[in-house]
Amino acid sequence: MTCMIAYDKDARICLYVAAGWAVALGIGWAVLKSRNPQIAERRAPEFDKVG
């Protein structure tokens, strides 16, 4: 898919935007995790009672 997007020079900008978006999400996650580790946990406490 990436190669198909790279052929069209007008659509090539989306490759740069996607990479920038991934970096921004990673930085945001790192900041969130460093400020409050409880928010960054993958498990939600309300799912512990299911089952």
N, C-alpha and C. Protein backbone atom coordinates (compact mmCIF):
# COMPACT_ATOMS: atom_id res chain seq x y z
N MET A 1 0.82 -1.19 0.00
CA MET A 1 0.00 0.00 0.00
C MET A 1 0.86 1.26 0.00
N THR A 2 1.92 1.24 0.77
CA THR A 2 2.80 2.41 0.85
C THR A 2 3.42 2.71 -0.51
N CYS A 3 3.81 1.67 -1.22
CA CYS A 3 4.41 1.88 -2.55
C CYS A 3 3.41 2.47 -3.52
N MET A 4 2.17 2.06 -3.43
CA MET A 4 1.15 2.60 -4.33
C MET A 4 0.90 4.08 -4.04
N ILE A 5 0.93 4.48 -2.78
CA ILE A 5 0.75 5.88 -2.44
C ILE A 5 1.96 6.70 -2.89
N ALA A 6 3.15 6.12 -2.78
CA ALA A 6 4.37 6.85 -3.12
C ALA A 6 4.48 7.15 -4.61
N TYR A 7 3.80 6.40 -5.47
CA TYR A 7 3.86 6.66 -6.91
C TYR A 7 3.24 8.00 -7.27
N ASP A 8 2.16 8.35 -6.65
CA ASP A 8 1.47 9.59 -6.95
C ASP A 8 2.06 10.71 -6.11
N LYS A 9 2.67 11.70 -6.77
CA LYS A 9 3.36 12.74 -6.01
C LYS A 9 2.40 13.62 -5.22
N ASP A 10 1.17 13.73 -5.65
CA ASP A 10 0.20 14.52 -4.89
C ASP A 10 -0.25 13.80 -3.62
N ALA A 11 -0.29 12.47 -3.66
CA ALA A 11 -0.73 11.70 -2.50
C ALA A 11 0.44 11.34 -1.58
N ARG A 12 1.65 11.64 -1.99
CA ARG A 12 2.83 11.29 -1.21
C ARG A 12 2.86 12.01 0.14
N ILE A 13 2.22 13.15 0.21
CA ILE A 13 2.21 13.92 1.46
C ILE A 13 1.57 13.13 2.59
N CYS A 14 0.63 12.22 2.28
CA CYS A 14 0.00 11.44 3.34
C CYS A 14 1.01 10.53 4.04
N LEU A 15 2.06 10.12 3.36
CA LEU A 15 3.10 9.31 4.01
C LEU A 15 3.83 10.13 5.07
N TYR A 16 4.06 11.39 4.79
CA TYR A 16 4.72 12.25 5.77
C TYR A 16 3.79 12.54 6.94
N VAL A 17 2.53 12.77 6.64
CA VAL A 17 1.57 13.05 7.69
C VAL A 17 1.38 11.84 8.60
N ALA A 18 1.30 10.65 8.02
CA ALA A 18 1.12 9.42 8.81
C ALA A 18 2.31 9.21 9.75
N ALA A 19 3.51 9.44 9.25
CA ALA A 19 4.69 9.28 10.11
C ALA A 19 4.69 10.31 11.24
N GLY A 20 4.33 11.54 10.91
CA GLY A 20 4.26 12.59 11.93
C GLY A 20 3.19 12.29 12.97
N TRP A 21 2.06 11.75 12.52
CA TRP A 21 0.97 11.41 13.43
C TRP A 21 1.41 10.28 14.38
N ALA A 22 2.12 9.30 13.87
CA ALA A 22 2.60 8.20 14.71
C ALA A 22 3.58 8.71 15.77
N VAL A 23 4.44 9.62 15.39
CA VAL A 23 5.39 10.21 16.34
C VAL A 23 4.65 11.02 17.40
N ALA A 24 3.67 11.80 16.97
CA ALA A 24 2.90 12.61 17.92
C ALA A 24 2.14 11.73 18.92
N LEU A 25 1.55 10.62 18.45
CA LEU A 25 0.87 9.70 19.36
C LEU A 25 1.84 9.07 20.35
N GLY A 26 3.02 8.70 19.87
CA GLY A 26 4.03 8.11 20.75
C GLY A 26 4.49 9.08 21.83
N ILE A 27 4.70 10.33 21.45
CA ILE A 27 5.12 11.34 22.42
C ILE A 27 4.00 11.59 23.42
N GLY A 28 2.78 11.68 22.93
CA GLY A 28 1.64 11.88 23.82
C GLY A 28 1.48 10.75 24.83
N TRP A 29 1.65 9.53 24.36
CA TRP A 29 1.56 8.37 25.25
C TRP A 29 2.65 8.39 26.30
N ALA A 30 3.87 8.74 25.90
CA ALA A 30 4.98 8.80 26.85
C ALA A 30 4.74 9.87 27.91
N VAL A 31 4.22 11.02 27.50
CA VAL A 31 3.93 12.09 28.46
C VAL A 31 2.82 11.66 29.40
N LEU A 32 1.77 11.07 28.86
CA LEU A 32 0.65 10.61 29.69
C LEU A 32 1.12 9.57 30.71
N LYS A 33 1.93 8.64 30.25
CA LYS A 33 2.41 7.57 31.13
C LYS A 33 3.34 8.12 32.22
N SER A 34 4.14 9.12 31.89
CA SER A 34 5.05 9.66 32.89
C SER A 34 4.31 10.52 33.93
N ARG A 35 3.22 11.16 33.51
CA ARG A 35 2.47 12.02 34.44
C ARG A 35 1.57 11.23 35.37
N ASN A 36 0.93 10.18 34.85
CA ASN A 36 0.01 9.40 35.67
C ASN A 36 0.00 7.96 35.15
N PRO A 37 0.83 7.09 35.71
CA PRO A 37 0.93 5.71 35.22
C PRO A 37 -0.38 4.92 35.32
N GLN A 38 -1.27 5.28 36.24
CA GLN A 38 -2.53 4.56 36.37
C GLN A 38 -3.42 4.75 35.15
N ILE A 39 -3.38 5.91 34.52
CA ILE A 39 -4.18 6.16 33.32
C ILE A 39 -3.68 5.29 32.16
N ALA A 40 -2.39 5.03 32.12
CA ALA A 40 -1.80 4.32 30.99
C ALA A 40 -1.95 2.81 31.08
N GLU A 41 -2.57 2.29 32.15
CA GLU A 41 -2.75 0.85 32.26
C GLU A 41 -3.70 0.34 31.19
N ARG A 42 -3.43 -0.85 30.68
CA ARG A 42 -4.24 -1.40 29.60
C ARG A 42 -5.56 -1.97 30.11
N ARG A 43 -5.61 -2.45 31.33
CA ARG A 43 -6.82 -3.07 31.86
C ARG A 43 -7.68 -2.06 32.58
N ALA A 44 -8.94 -2.14 32.33
CA ALA A 44 -9.88 -1.29 33.06
C ALA A 44 -10.38 -2.06 34.28
N PRO A 45 -10.44 -1.44 35.45
CA PRO A 45 -10.83 -2.15 36.67
C PRO A 45 -12.23 -2.75 36.61
N GLU A 46 -13.15 -2.14 35.86
CA GLU A 46 -14.50 -2.69 35.82
C GLU A 46 -14.58 -4.02 35.09
N PHE A 47 -13.54 -4.38 34.33
CA PHE A 47 -13.56 -5.67 33.63
C PHE A 47 -13.05 -6.81 34.52
N ASP A 48 -12.53 -6.50 35.71
CA ASP A 48 -12.05 -7.54 36.61
C ASP A 48 -13.21 -8.37 37.17
N LYS A 49 -14.39 -7.78 37.28
CA LYS A 49 -15.55 -8.45 37.87
C LYS A 49 -16.33 -9.30 36.86
N VAL A 50 -15.99 -9.21 35.60
CA VAL A 50 -16.71 -9.95 34.55
C VAL A 50 -16.28 -11.42 34.59
N GLY A 51 -17.22 -12.30 34.48
CA GLY A 51 -16.86 -13.70 34.35
C GLY A 51 -17.37 -14.50 35.44
